Amino acid sequence: MRFYDDIEVGDVRRSDEYRISKSEIVEFAEKYDPQPFHTDEAAAENSVFGGLVASGWQTAAICMRLHVESSEDTATQAGVGVDDLRWHRPLRPGDSLRLRNEIGDKRPSESDPSRGFVTTYHDGLNQDDELVISYEATAMVRRPSEE
């Protein structure tokens, strides 16, 4: 298990790839982001995107999954915030997404010595190494007990 004290600023991790399907895009959008360029291929053709695209929120949710899977060995207790979330290009049916995470900052908790806060910079890249999404996220990470 990687605890707060084991994490170094500058550490980089990469996730596996996640390939998204048209049916996933439509299903997510119908439930959470029912805009025509996410739910209707014909309407999407006439949109600024020129075709069906995943919701940015779905893209962020996929990144969350990729982050969790690539950092299962970290003693994360909870997320505390996301900053500078940007969608750079759409995720389309058949695209793959992978995540590159870099530790940007860490600080011990002032109120609880059993944890610290770690800020990670996230870049979601498609199969062509193009930036799709970026953000920084801060999480509480447990410190080992002094038993």
Protein backbone atom coordinates (compact mmCIF):
# COMPACT_ATOMS: atom_id res chain seq x y z
CA MET A 1 0.00 0.00 0.00
CA ARG A 2 1.27 3.47 -0.94
CA PHE A 3 0.68 5.97 1.82
CA TYR A 4 1.00 9.75 1.80
CA ASP A 5 4.66 9.58 2.85
CA ASP A 6 5.46 7.21 -0.07
CA ILE A 7 4.16 9.61 -2.72
CA GLU A 8 6.63 11.99 -4.34
CA VAL A 9 5.90 15.18 -6.27
CA GLY A 10 6.65 14.39 -9.91
CA ASP A 11 5.59 10.72 -9.71
CA VAL A 12 3.81 9.71 -12.93
CA ARG A 13 1.36 6.88 -13.51
CA ARG A 14 -0.38 5.78 -16.66
CA SER A 15 -3.62 3.86 -16.95
CA ASP A 16 -4.78 1.20 -19.33
CA GLU A 17 -6.99 2.29 -22.24
CA TYR A 18 -10.78 2.41 -22.21
CA ARG A 19 -12.60 2.15 -25.54
CA ILE A 20 -16.01 3.81 -25.72
CA SER A 21 -18.92 2.60 -27.82
CA LYS A 22 -21.78 4.46 -29.45
CA SER A 23 -24.30 2.66 -27.25
CA GLU A 24 -22.46 3.73 -24.07
CA ILE A 25 -22.43 7.34 -25.22
CA VAL A 26 -26.15 7.37 -25.96
CA GLU A 27 -27.11 5.47 -22.80
CA PHE A 28 -25.15 7.83 -20.53
CA ALA A 29 -26.44 10.93 -22.30
CA GLU A 30 -30.07 9.84 -22.23
CA LYS A 31 -29.80 9.49 -18.47
CA TYR A 32 -27.50 12.38 -17.49
CA ASP A 33 -26.83 14.81 -20.37
CA PRO A 34 -29.63 14.56 -22.94
CA GLN A 35 -28.32 16.99 -25.52
CA PRO A 36 -28.92 16.01 -29.17
CA PHE A 37 -25.22 15.76 -30.10
CA HIS A 38 -24.90 13.02 -27.43
CA THR A 39 -28.16 11.15 -28.12
CA ASP A 40 -29.13 11.54 -31.78
CA GLU A 41 -26.74 10.75 -34.64
CA ALA A 42 -28.67 12.80 -37.21
CA ALA A 43 -28.85 15.86 -34.97
CA ALA A 44 -25.19 15.40 -34.04
CA GLU A 45 -24.21 15.54 -37.74
CA ASN A 46 -25.58 19.08 -37.87
CA SER A 47 -23.92 20.18 -34.62
CA VAL A 48 -20.62 21.93 -34.08
CA PHE A 49 -19.13 18.44 -33.51
CA GLY A 50 -20.19 17.02 -36.90
CA GLY A 51 -21.14 13.71 -35.30
CA LEU A 52 -22.04 11.91 -32.10
CA VAL A 53 -19.76 12.69 -29.13
CA ALA A 54 -19.59 11.61 -25.50
CA SER A 55 -20.71 13.98 -22.80
CA GLY A 56 -17.81 15.72 -21.12
CA TRP A 57 -19.19 14.41 -17.84
CA GLN A 58 -19.00 10.87 -19.18
CA THR A 59 -15.41 11.52 -20.25
CA ALA A 60 -14.63 12.72 -16.71
CA ALA A 61 -16.34 9.64 -15.23
CA ILE A 62 -14.24 7.34 -17.43
CA CYS A 63 -11.13 9.17 -16.23
CA MET A 64 -12.22 8.58 -12.64
CA ARG A 65 -12.47 4.86 -13.34
CA LEU A 66 -9.05 4.82 -15.02
CA HIS A 67 -7.54 6.73 -12.11
CA VAL A 68 -8.98 4.35 -9.51
CA GLU A 69 -7.83 1.29 -11.43
CA SER A 70 -4.30 2.65 -11.86
CA SER A 71 -3.93 3.70 -8.23
CA GLU A 72 -5.65 0.88 -6.34
CA ASP A 73 -2.50 0.50 -4.24
CA THR A 74 -2.81 4.05 -2.84
CA ALA A 75 -4.39 4.66 0.57
CA THR A 76 -6.83 7.28 -0.73
CA GLN A 77 -9.55 8.19 1.76
CA ALA A 78 -11.63 10.67 -0.25
CA GLY A 79 -11.52 13.20 -3.02
CA VAL A 80 -11.77 16.81 -1.85
CA GLY A 81 -11.93 18.77 -5.08
CA VAL A 82 -11.30 19.19 -8.78
CA ASP A 83 -9.90 22.35 -10.37
CA ASP A 84 -9.21 23.58 -13.89
CA LEU A 85 -11.38 20.97 -15.61
CA ARG A 86 -11.10 21.43 -19.38
CA TRP A 87 -12.43 19.47 -22.34
CA HIS A 88 -10.02 19.92 -25.23
CA ARG A 89 -11.58 17.71 -27.90
CA PRO A 90 -14.56 15.37 -28.05
CA LEU A 91 -14.51 11.66 -27.36
CA ARG A 92 -16.21 9.86 -30.25
CA PRO A 93 -17.61 6.33 -30.64
CA GLY A 94 -14.75 3.87 -31.02
CA ASP A 95 -12.17 6.21 -29.46
CA SER A 96 -9.90 5.00 -26.69
CA LEU A 97 -9.05 7.06 -23.64
CA ARG A 98 -6.13 6.62 -21.28
CA LEU A 99 -5.01 8.70 -18.34
CA ARG A 100 -1.64 10.14 -17.42
CA ASN A 101 -1.40 11.29 -13.79
CA GLU A 102 1.40 13.36 -12.31
CA ILE A 103 1.71 14.25 -8.62
CA GLY A 104 1.84 18.04 -8.56
CA ASP A 105 1.76 18.86 -4.86
CA LYS A 106 1.31 17.36 -1.42
CA ARG A 107 0.84 18.78 2.04
CA PRO A 108 0.22 17.20 5.42
CA SER A 109 -3.09 17.86 7.12
CA GLU A 110 -2.85 20.62 9.69
CA SER A 111 -5.72 19.19 11.75
CA ASP A 112 -5.13 15.43 11.49
CA PRO A 113 -1.65 13.88 11.40
CA SER A 114 -3.11 10.60 10.11
CA ARG A 115 -3.57 12.03 6.61
CA GLY A 116 -2.25 14.40 3.99
CA PHE A 117 -3.53 16.02 0.81
CA VAL A 118 -2.18 15.11 -2.62
CA THR A 119 -2.90 17.10 -5.78
CA THR A 120 -2.58 15.22 -9.06
CA TYR A 121 -2.58 16.62 -12.59
CA HIS A 122 -4.60 14.46 -14.98
CA ASP A 123 -4.40 14.34 -18.77
CA GLY A 124 -6.84 12.15 -20.68
CA LEU A 125 -5.40 11.21 -24.08
CA ASN A 126 -7.06 9.49 -27.01
CA GLN A 127 -5.64 6.77 -29.24
CA ASP A 128 -3.79 9.44 -31.27
CA ASP A 129 -2.11 10.96 -28.17
CA GLU A 130 -4.36 14.02 -28.45
CA LEU A 131 -5.43 15.75 -25.26
CA VAL A 132 -9.14 15.15 -24.65
CA ILE A 133 -9.55 16.29 -21.02
CA SER A 134 -7.37 17.78 -18.31
CA TYR A 135 -7.90 18.67 -14.67
CA GLU A 136 -6.24 18.65 -11.29
CA ALA A 137 -7.73 16.72 -8.41
CA THR A 138 -6.93 16.78 -4.71
CA ALA A 139 -7.44 13.78 -2.46
CA MET A 140 -6.94 12.88 1.18
CA VAL A 141 -4.39 10.11 1.53
CA ARG A 142 -3.82 8.12 4.70
CA ARG A 143 -0.49 8.11 6.49
CA PRO A 144 0.66 4.86 8.07
CA SER A 145 -0.26 4.48 11.73
CA GLU A 146 2.56 4.75 14.25
CA GLU A 147 1.48 1.66 16.22
